[in-house]
């Protein structure tokens, strides 16, 4: 167990390493890798909910309320998921896309820069930019499509 002193090199220096707005009410601010892990976990949970919905309804839901506006979130919550996360760990809305036939879906988080950049290709096409990216890369999206991550931070189990 590590104890943080209050003198030089203590808790103030430790907290200064974490940008404002990245605290979740836990005992410590989340490091960037923790934010990526949290986003990926939330995306997996939402994807599990839409997959369960599709088993029952034979198609993916047309809207979830992720993104703007927050309409239709009651389509999957609370039956398939207790509640839908409205925002990713960086404070931006998740993007949920579904093709017109309800046969393909995609979840995207804009990541640390909060800007969606890789989901411009219409479904069911896979985004042109796929694979892992270094955690140090600013501005990378996390993309989950049709049951798997197609864009994710390297070093994090997908």
N, C-alpha and C. Protein backbone atom coordinates (compact mmCIF):
# COMPACT_ATOMS: atom_id res chain seq x y z
N UNK A 1 0.83 -1.19 0.00
CA UNK A 1 0.00 0.00 0.00
C UNK A 1 0.87 1.24 0.00
N UNK A 2 0.51 2.22 -0.82
CA UNK A 2 1.29 3.46 -0.93
C UNK A 2 0.58 4.56 -0.16
N UNK A 3 1.33 5.27 0.65
CA UNK A 3 0.79 6.41 1.38
C UNK A 3 1.36 7.67 0.77
N UNK A 4 0.53 8.65 0.49
CA UNK A 4 0.98 9.89 -0.11
C UNK A 4 1.17 10.94 0.96
N UNK A 5 2.36 11.48 1.04
CA UNK A 5 2.64 12.55 2.00
C UNK A 5 2.05 13.85 1.49
N UNK A 6 1.85 14.78 2.40
CA UNK A 6 1.27 16.06 1.98
C UNK A 6 2.33 17.10 1.66
N UNK A 7 3.58 16.78 1.87
CA UNK A 7 4.66 17.71 1.58
C UNK A 7 5.03 17.70 0.11
N UNK A 8 6.21 18.28 -0.23
CA UNK A 8 6.66 18.28 -1.62
C UNK A 8 6.71 16.86 -2.18
N UNK A 9 6.23 16.71 -3.38
CA UNK A 9 6.20 15.39 -4.00
C UNK A 9 5.07 14.53 -3.48
N UNK A 10 4.16 15.12 -2.71
CA UNK A 10 3.08 14.37 -2.10
C UNK A 10 1.82 14.40 -2.93
N UNK A 11 0.70 14.50 -2.27
CA UNK A 11 -0.60 14.35 -2.93
C UNK A 11 -0.86 15.44 -3.96
N UNK A 12 -0.42 16.69 -3.70
CA UNK A 12 -0.66 17.74 -4.69
C UNK A 12 0.07 17.43 -6.00
N UNK A 13 1.30 16.96 -5.91
CA UNK A 13 2.04 16.60 -7.12
C UNK A 13 1.39 15.42 -7.83
N UNK A 14 0.91 14.45 -7.06
CA UNK A 14 0.22 13.29 -7.63
C UNK A 14 -1.04 13.72 -8.37
N UNK A 15 -1.86 14.55 -7.74
CA UNK A 15 -3.11 14.99 -8.35
C UNK A 15 -2.87 15.90 -9.55
N UNK A 16 -1.75 16.62 -9.56
CA UNK A 16 -1.45 17.52 -10.68
C UNK A 16 -1.22 16.74 -11.97
N UNK A 17 -0.91 15.45 -11.87
CA UNK A 17 -0.68 14.63 -13.06
C UNK A 17 -1.97 14.31 -13.80
N UNK A 18 -3.12 14.55 -13.17
CA UNK A 18 -4.40 14.18 -13.77
C UNK A 18 -5.17 15.43 -14.15
N UNK A 19 -5.52 15.58 -15.43
CA UNK A 19 -6.27 16.76 -15.86
C UNK A 19 -7.62 16.86 -15.15
N UNK A 20 -8.10 18.07 -15.02
CA UNK A 20 -9.40 18.31 -14.39
C UNK A 20 -10.50 17.61 -15.16
N UNK A 21 -11.55 17.22 -14.46
CA UNK A 21 -12.71 16.62 -15.10
C UNK A 21 -12.61 15.13 -15.29
N UNK A 22 -11.56 14.50 -14.81
CA UNK A 22 -11.41 13.07 -14.97
C UNK A 22 -11.55 12.34 -13.64
N UNK A 23 -12.35 12.85 -12.78
CA UNK A 23 -12.57 12.22 -11.49
C UNK A 23 -13.97 11.64 -11.47
N UNK A 24 -14.10 10.44 -11.01
CA UNK A 24 -15.39 9.76 -11.08
C UNK A 24 -16.04 9.60 -9.72
N UNK A 25 -15.55 10.29 -8.70
CA UNK A 25 -16.12 10.13 -7.37
C UNK A 25 -15.45 9.00 -6.61
N UNK A 26 -14.51 8.31 -7.22
CA UNK A 26 -13.76 7.27 -6.55
C UNK A 26 -12.68 7.93 -5.68
N UNK A 27 -11.91 7.12 -5.01
CA UNK A 27 -10.90 7.62 -4.11
C UNK A 27 -9.77 8.34 -4.83
N UNK A 28 -9.58 8.07 -6.11
CA UNK A 28 -8.51 8.71 -6.86
C UNK A 28 -8.99 9.06 -8.26
N UNK A 29 -8.36 10.04 -8.89
CA UNK A 29 -8.70 10.32 -10.29
C UNK A 29 -8.32 9.13 -11.16
N UNK A 30 -9.01 8.99 -12.25
CA UNK A 30 -8.71 7.89 -13.16
C UNK A 30 -7.57 8.27 -14.09
N UNK A 31 -6.62 7.37 -14.25
CA UNK A 31 -5.56 7.56 -15.22
C UNK A 31 -6.14 7.32 -16.61
N UNK A 32 -5.45 7.75 -17.63
CA UNK A 32 -5.97 7.63 -19.00
C UNK A 32 -6.30 6.18 -19.36
N UNK A 33 -5.46 5.23 -18.98
CA UNK A 33 -5.73 3.83 -19.29
C UNK A 33 -7.02 3.36 -18.62
N UNK A 34 -7.30 3.87 -17.41
CA UNK A 34 -8.54 3.52 -16.72
C UNK A 34 -9.75 4.08 -17.46
N UNK A 35 -9.61 5.25 -18.05
CA UNK A 35 -10.71 5.85 -18.81
C UNK A 35 -11.01 5.03 -20.06
N UNK A 36 -9.95 4.58 -20.73
CA UNK A 36 -10.16 3.71 -21.90
C UNK A 36 -10.83 2.40 -21.48
N UNK A 37 -10.36 1.81 -20.39
CA UNK A 37 -10.97 0.56 -19.91
C UNK A 37 -12.45 0.76 -19.57
N UNK A 38 -12.74 1.86 -18.90
CA UNK A 38 -14.13 2.13 -18.54
C UNK A 38 -15.00 2.30 -19.78
N UNK A 39 -14.52 3.05 -20.76
CA UNK A 39 -15.28 3.25 -22.00
C UNK A 39 -15.52 1.91 -22.70
N UNK A 40 -14.50 1.09 -22.77
CA UNK A 40 -14.65 -0.21 -23.44
C UNK A 40 -15.63 -1.10 -22.70
N UNK A 41 -15.62 -1.05 -21.37
CA UNK A 41 -16.58 -1.83 -20.59
C UNK A 41 -18.00 -1.36 -20.80
N UNK A 42 -18.19 -0.04 -20.83
CA UNK A 42 -19.54 0.50 -21.07
C UNK A 42 -20.03 0.15 -22.47
N UNK A 43 -19.14 0.23 -23.45
CA UNK A 43 -19.52 -0.12 -24.83
C UNK A 43 -19.90 -1.60 -24.90
N UNK A 44 -19.11 -2.46 -24.25
CA UNK A 44 -19.45 -3.89 -24.24
C UNK A 44 -20.83 -4.12 -23.62
N UNK A 45 -21.12 -3.42 -22.53
CA UNK A 45 -22.44 -3.57 -21.87
C UNK A 45 -23.57 -3.13 -22.79
N UNK A 46 -23.40 -2.00 -23.46
CA UNK A 46 -24.44 -1.52 -24.38
C UNK A 46 -24.60 -2.48 -25.55
N UNK A 47 -23.47 -3.01 -26.05
CA UNK A 47 -23.54 -3.96 -27.16
C UNK A 47 -24.24 -5.24 -26.74
N UNK A 48 -23.99 -5.70 -25.54
CA UNK A 48 -24.68 -6.89 -25.03
C UNK A 48 -26.18 -6.64 -24.99
N UNK A 49 -26.58 -5.44 -24.59
CA UNK A 49 -28.00 -5.09 -24.53
C UNK A 49 -28.63 -5.10 -25.93
N UNK A 50 -27.95 -4.51 -26.93
CA UNK A 50 -28.55 -4.50 -28.26
C UNK A 50 -28.56 -5.89 -28.87
N UNK A 51 -27.57 -6.71 -28.54
CA UNK A 51 -27.56 -8.10 -29.02
C UNK A 51 -28.74 -8.87 -28.42
N UNK A 52 -29.00 -8.69 -27.13
CA UNK A 52 -30.14 -9.36 -26.48
C UNK A 52 -31.46 -8.88 -27.09
N UNK A 53 -31.56 -7.58 -27.34
CA UNK A 53 -32.75 -7.02 -27.98
C UNK A 53 -32.94 -7.69 -29.35
N UNK A 54 -31.85 -7.83 -30.10
CA UNK A 54 -31.93 -8.41 -31.45
C UNK A 54 -32.37 -9.87 -31.41
N UNK A 55 -32.00 -10.60 -30.38
CA UNK A 55 -32.46 -11.99 -30.24
C UNK A 55 -33.97 -12.01 -30.13
N UNK A 56 -34.52 -11.08 -29.34
CA UNK A 56 -35.98 -11.04 -29.14
C UNK A 56 -36.73 -10.43 -30.32
N UNK A 57 -36.18 -9.40 -30.94
CA UNK A 57 -36.91 -8.63 -31.95
C UNK A 57 -36.47 -8.90 -33.39
N UNK A 58 -35.42 -9.69 -33.56
CA UNK A 58 -34.94 -10.05 -34.89
C UNK A 58 -34.33 -8.87 -35.64
N UNK A 59 -33.91 -7.86 -34.94
CA UNK A 59 -33.22 -6.70 -35.52
C UNK A 59 -32.64 -5.87 -34.40
N UNK A 60 -31.63 -5.06 -34.70
CA UNK A 60 -31.05 -4.16 -33.69
C UNK A 60 -31.96 -2.94 -33.55
N UNK A 61 -32.02 -2.37 -32.35
CA UNK A 61 -32.88 -1.19 -32.17
C UNK A 61 -32.43 -0.03 -33.05
N UNK A 62 -33.39 0.72 -33.54
CA UNK A 62 -33.11 1.84 -34.42
C UNK A 62 -32.47 3.01 -33.74
N UNK A 63 -32.73 3.18 -32.47
CA UNK A 63 -32.09 4.25 -31.70
C UNK A 63 -32.02 3.82 -30.25
N UNK A 64 -31.02 4.35 -29.57
CA UNK A 64 -30.85 4.03 -28.16
C UNK A 64 -30.90 5.25 -27.28
N UNK A 65 -30.77 6.40 -27.87
CA UNK A 65 -30.67 7.59 -27.07
C UNK A 65 -29.22 7.97 -26.81
N UNK A 66 -28.26 7.14 -27.22
CA UNK A 66 -26.87 7.55 -27.09
C UNK A 66 -26.60 8.57 -28.17
N UNK A 67 -25.90 9.58 -27.84
CA UNK A 67 -25.69 10.69 -28.77
C UNK A 67 -26.72 11.76 -28.46
N UNK A 68 -27.10 12.51 -29.44
CA UNK A 68 -28.02 13.61 -29.22
C UNK A 68 -29.14 13.52 -30.25
N UNK A 69 -30.37 13.64 -29.88
CA UNK A 69 -30.90 13.81 -28.53
C UNK A 69 -31.04 12.48 -27.81
N UNK A 70 -31.25 12.52 -26.51
CA UNK A 70 -31.39 11.31 -25.71
C UNK A 70 -32.82 10.78 -25.81
N UNK A 71 -33.19 10.32 -26.96
CA UNK A 71 -34.51 9.75 -27.18
C UNK A 71 -34.41 8.24 -27.33
N UNK A 72 -35.40 7.53 -26.91
CA UNK A 72 -35.47 6.11 -27.17
C UNK A 72 -34.64 5.22 -26.29
N UNK A 73 -34.03 5.78 -25.22
CA UNK A 73 -33.19 4.93 -24.39
C UNK A 73 -34.00 3.87 -23.65
N UNK A 74 -35.31 4.09 -23.53
CA UNK A 74 -36.15 3.09 -22.87
C UNK A 74 -36.40 1.87 -23.75
N UNK A 75 -35.90 1.87 -24.97
CA UNK A 75 -36.04 0.71 -25.86
C UNK A 75 -35.29 -0.49 -25.30
N UNK A 76 -34.11 -0.25 -24.73
CA UNK A 76 -33.31 -1.36 -24.17
C UNK A 76 -33.22 -1.31 -22.65
N UNK A 77 -33.39 -0.15 -22.05
CA UNK A 77 -33.31 -0.04 -20.59
C UNK A 77 -34.71 0.10 -20.03
N UNK A 78 -35.05 -0.58 -18.98
CA UNK A 78 -34.24 -1.43 -18.12
C UNK A 78 -34.34 -2.93 -18.45
N UNK A 79 -34.96 -3.32 -19.55
CA UNK A 79 -35.13 -4.74 -19.84
C UNK A 79 -33.81 -5.42 -20.17
N UNK A 80 -32.99 -4.82 -21.04
CA UNK A 80 -31.77 -5.46 -21.51
C UNK A 80 -30.50 -4.93 -20.82
N UNK A 81 -30.60 -3.78 -20.21
CA UNK A 81 -29.50 -3.18 -19.46
C UNK A 81 -30.14 -2.29 -18.40
N UNK A 82 -29.55 -2.28 -17.22
CA UNK A 82 -30.15 -1.50 -16.13
C UNK A 82 -30.32 -0.04 -16.51
N UNK A 83 -29.26 0.57 -17.00
CA UNK A 83 -29.35 1.94 -17.51
C UNK A 83 -28.24 2.13 -18.54
N UNK A 84 -28.52 2.97 -19.51
CA UNK A 84 -27.53 3.26 -20.55
C UNK A 84 -26.61 4.38 -20.09
N UNK A 85 -25.31 4.20 -20.25
CA UNK A 85 -24.42 5.32 -19.96
C UNK A 85 -24.72 6.43 -20.97
N UNK A 86 -24.94 7.63 -20.50
CA UNK A 86 -25.25 8.73 -21.41
C UNK A 86 -24.00 9.34 -22.02
N UNK A 87 -22.90 9.26 -21.28
CA UNK A 87 -21.65 9.88 -21.74
C UNK A 87 -20.48 8.96 -21.49
N UNK A 88 -19.46 9.09 -22.32
CA UNK A 88 -18.25 8.30 -22.11
C UNK A 88 -17.44 8.90 -20.95
N UNK A 89 -16.37 8.26 -20.52
CA UNK A 89 -15.61 8.78 -19.37
C UNK A 89 -15.00 10.16 -19.58
N UNK A 90 -14.92 10.64 -20.81
CA UNK A 90 -14.39 11.97 -21.09
C UNK A 90 -15.51 13.02 -21.15
N UNK A 91 -16.76 12.59 -20.96
CA UNK A 91 -17.88 13.53 -20.90
C UNK A 91 -18.62 13.74 -22.21
N UNK A 92 -18.25 13.04 -23.26
CA UNK A 92 -18.94 13.19 -24.55
C UNK A 92 -19.95 12.07 -24.73
N UNK A 93 -21.02 12.30 -25.48
CA UNK A 93 -21.99 11.23 -25.71
C UNK A 93 -21.40 10.12 -26.57
N UNK A 94 -21.81 8.89 -26.29
CA UNK A 94 -21.48 7.77 -27.16
C UNK A 94 -22.30 7.91 -28.43
N UNK A 95 -21.77 7.44 -29.53
CA UNK A 95 -22.52 7.42 -30.79
C UNK A 95 -22.96 5.98 -31.04
N UNK A 96 -24.24 5.78 -31.28
CA UNK A 96 -24.79 4.48 -31.68
C UNK A 96 -25.35 4.65 -33.07
N UNK A 97 -24.93 3.76 -33.99
CA UNK A 97 -25.44 3.78 -35.36
C UNK A 97 -25.99 2.41 -35.69
N UNK A 98 -27.04 2.39 -36.49
CA UNK A 98 -27.60 1.12 -36.97
C UNK A 98 -28.00 1.31 -38.43
N UNK A 99 -27.82 0.27 -39.23
CA UNK A 99 -28.20 0.39 -40.64
C UNK A 99 -29.73 0.39 -40.74
N UNK A 100 -30.28 0.86 -41.86
CA UNK A 100 -31.74 0.98 -42.00
C UNK A 100 -32.50 -0.34 -41.80
N UNK A 101 -31.89 -1.47 -42.11
CA UNK A 101 -32.56 -2.75 -41.95
C UNK A 101 -32.43 -3.31 -40.53
N UNK A 102 -31.62 -2.68 -39.70
CA UNK A 102 -31.42 -3.15 -38.34
C UNK A 102 -30.56 -4.40 -38.25
N UNK A 103 -29.68 -4.60 -39.23
CA UNK A 103 -28.86 -5.81 -39.28
C UNK A 103 -27.41 -5.59 -38.84
N UNK A 104 -26.95 -4.35 -38.76
CA UNK A 104 -25.59 -4.01 -38.33
C UNK A 104 -25.66 -2.82 -37.39
N UNK A 105 -24.72 -2.79 -36.44
CA UNK A 105 -24.67 -1.66 -35.51
C UNK A 105 -23.22 -1.29 -35.21
N UNK A 106 -23.05 -0.09 -34.67
CA UNK A 106 -21.72 0.40 -34.30
C UNK A 106 -21.86 1.34 -33.10
N UNK A 107 -20.97 1.18 -32.12
CA UNK A 107 -20.83 2.12 -31.02
C UNK A 107 -19.48 2.80 -31.16
N UNK A 108 -19.44 4.11 -30.93
CA UNK A 108 -18.19 4.85 -31.01
C UNK A 108 -18.08 5.81 -29.84
N UNK A 109 -16.87 5.87 -29.25
CA UNK A 109 -16.50 6.89 -28.27
C UNK A 109 -15.44 7.75 -28.93
N UNK A 110 -15.57 9.05 -28.81
CA UNK A 110 -14.59 9.96 -29.39
C UNK A 110 -13.25 9.94 -28.69
N UNK A 111 -13.16 9.26 -27.55
CA UNK A 111 -11.89 9.18 -26.83
C UNK A 111 -11.55 10.49 -26.14
N UNK A 112 -10.27 10.65 -25.84
CA UNK A 112 -9.83 11.75 -25.00
C UNK A 112 -10.04 13.13 -25.61
N UNK A 113 -10.09 13.23 -26.94
CA UNK A 113 -10.33 14.55 -27.54
C UNK A 113 -11.82 14.84 -27.73
N UNK A 114 -12.67 13.85 -27.44
CA UNK A 114 -14.13 13.97 -27.49
C UNK A 114 -14.66 14.26 -28.89
N UNK A 115 -13.86 13.99 -29.92
CA UNK A 115 -14.27 14.25 -31.31
C UNK A 115 -14.39 12.92 -32.04
N UNK A 116 -15.54 12.66 -32.63
CA UNK A 116 -15.74 11.43 -33.40
C UNK A 116 -15.10 11.61 -34.76
N UNK A 117 -14.20 10.69 -35.10
CA UNK A 117 -13.49 10.86 -36.36
C UNK A 117 -13.49 9.63 -37.26
N UNK A 118 -13.78 8.42 -36.75
CA UNK A 118 -13.62 7.23 -37.59
C UNK A 118 -14.93 6.58 -38.02
N UNK A 119 -16.06 7.11 -37.64
CA UNK A 119 -17.33 6.44 -37.97
C UNK A 119 -18.05 7.09 -39.13
N UNK A 120 -17.30 7.60 -40.09
CA UNK A 120 -17.97 8.28 -41.20
C UNK A 120 -18.50 7.32 -42.25
N UNK A 121 -18.00 6.09 -42.26
CA UNK A 121 -18.45 5.12 -43.25
C UNK A 121 -19.82 4.58 -42.86
N UNK A 122 -20.77 4.57 -43.78
CA UNK A 122 -22.10 4.06 -43.44
C UNK A 122 -22.05 2.55 -43.18
N UNK A 123 -22.92 2.08 -42.32
CA UNK A 123 -23.01 0.65 -42.05
C UNK A 123 -23.58 -0.06 -43.26
N UNK A 124 -23.26 -1.29 -43.50
CA UNK A 124 -22.50 -2.21 -42.66
C UNK A 124 -21.00 -2.18 -42.89
N UNK A 125 -20.46 -1.23 -43.65
CA UNK A 125 -19.02 -1.18 -43.90
C UNK A 125 -18.25 -1.00 -42.61
N UNK A 126 -17.10 -1.64 -42.52
CA UNK A 126 -16.21 -1.46 -41.39
C UNK A 126 -15.43 -0.17 -41.60
N UNK A 127 -15.20 0.61 -40.53
CA UNK A 127 -14.42 1.84 -40.69
C UNK A 127 -13.08 1.55 -41.37
N UNK A 128 -12.61 2.49 -42.17
CA UNK A 128 -11.35 2.29 -42.90
C UNK A 128 -10.16 2.22 -41.97
N UNK A 129 -10.24 2.87 -40.82
CA UNK A 129 -9.16 2.86 -39.85
C UNK A 129 -9.49 1.83 -38.77
N UNK A 130 -8.81 0.68 -38.77
CA UNK A 130 -9.09 -0.38 -37.81
C UNK A 130 -7.80 -0.79 -37.12
N UNK A 131 -7.94 -1.60 -36.07
CA UNK A 131 -6.79 -2.09 -35.33
C UNK A 131 -6.55 -1.28 -34.07
N UNK A 132 -5.45 -1.57 -33.41
CA UNK A 132 -5.15 -0.89 -32.16
C UNK A 132 -4.39 0.41 -32.41
N UNK A 133 -4.39 1.27 -31.40
CA UNK A 133 -3.64 2.52 -31.46
C UNK A 133 -2.92 2.71 -30.13
N UNK A 134 -1.77 3.41 -30.12
CA UNK A 134 -1.04 3.63 -28.87
C UNK A 134 -1.85 4.50 -27.91
N UNK A 135 -1.75 4.19 -26.62
CA UNK A 135 -2.47 4.99 -25.62
C UNK A 135 -2.06 6.45 -25.67
N UNK A 136 -0.86 6.71 -26.11
CA UNK A 136 -0.37 8.09 -26.17
C UNK A 136 -0.96 8.87 -27.33
N UNK A 137 -1.64 8.21 -28.26
CA UNK A 137 -2.23 8.89 -29.40
C UNK A 137 -3.47 9.67 -28.98
N UNK A 138 -3.40 10.96 -29.14
CA UNK A 138 -4.57 11.80 -28.83
C UNK A 138 -5.52 11.76 -30.02
N UNK A 139 -6.79 11.82 -29.75
CA UNK A 139 -7.76 11.95 -30.82
C UNK A 139 -8.20 10.66 -31.47
N UNK A 140 -7.91 9.53 -30.88
CA UNK A 140 -8.33 8.26 -31.46
C UNK A 140 -9.69 7.84 -30.91
N UNK A 141 -10.54 7.32 -31.78
CA UNK A 141 -11.85 6.82 -31.38
C UNK A 141 -11.75 5.35 -30.96
N UNK A 142 -12.67 4.95 -30.10
CA UNK A 142 -12.87 3.54 -29.77
C UNK A 142 -14.11 3.12 -30.54
N UNK A 143 -14.01 2.07 -31.36
CA UNK A 143 -15.12 1.65 -32.22
C UNK A 143 -15.42 0.17 -32.00
N UNK A 144 -16.68 -0.12 -31.74
CA UNK A 144 -17.18 -1.49 -31.56
C UNK A 144 -18.27 -1.70 -32.58
N UNK A 145 -18.10 -2.71 -33.43
CA UNK A 145 -19.07 -2.92 -34.50
C UNK A 145 -19.43 -4.40 -34.61
N UNK A 146 -20.71 -4.67 -34.59
CA UNK A 146 -21.23 -6.03 -34.81
C UNK A 146 -20.52 -7.09 -33.97
N UNK A 147 -20.39 -6.81 -32.67
CA UNK A 147 -19.89 -7.81 -31.75
C UNK A 147 -18.41 -7.81 -31.47
N UNK A 148 -17.65 -6.84 -32.01
CA UNK A 148 -16.23 -6.81 -31.71
C UNK A 148 -15.67 -5.40 -31.85
N UNK A 149 -14.57 -5.16 -31.11
CA UNK A 149 -13.87 -3.89 -31.25
C UNK A 149 -13.11 -3.93 -32.57
N UNK A 150 -13.27 -2.89 -33.37
CA UNK A 150 -12.53 -2.77 -34.62
C UNK A 150 -11.47 -1.67 -34.52
N UNK A 151 -11.57 -0.84 -33.49
CA UNK A 151 -10.58 0.22 -33.19
C UNK A 151 -10.51 0.32 -31.69
N UNK A 152 -9.31 0.12 -31.11
CA UNK A 152 -9.17 0.06 -29.66
C UNK A 152 -7.76 0.47 -29.25
N UNK A 153 -7.58 0.88 -27.97
CA UNK A 153 -6.24 1.21 -27.48
C UNK A 153 -5.41 -0.05 -27.26
N UNK A 154 -4.16 -0.01 -27.70
CA UNK A 154 -3.31 -1.20 -27.55
C UNK A 154 -3.02 -1.45 -26.07
N UNK A 155 -2.83 -2.72 -25.77
CA UNK A 155 -2.51 -3.10 -24.40
C UNK A 155 -3.73 -3.31 -23.53
N UNK A 156 -4.91 -3.09 -24.06
CA UNK A 156 -6.14 -3.31 -23.29
C UNK A 156 -6.86 -4.48 -23.92
N UNK A 157 -7.19 -5.44 -23.09
CA UNK A 157 -7.88 -6.64 -23.58
C UNK A 157 -9.18 -6.24 -24.26
N UNK A 158 -9.39 -6.72 -25.47
CA UNK A 158 -10.62 -6.36 -26.17
C UNK A 158 -11.53 -7.52 -26.20
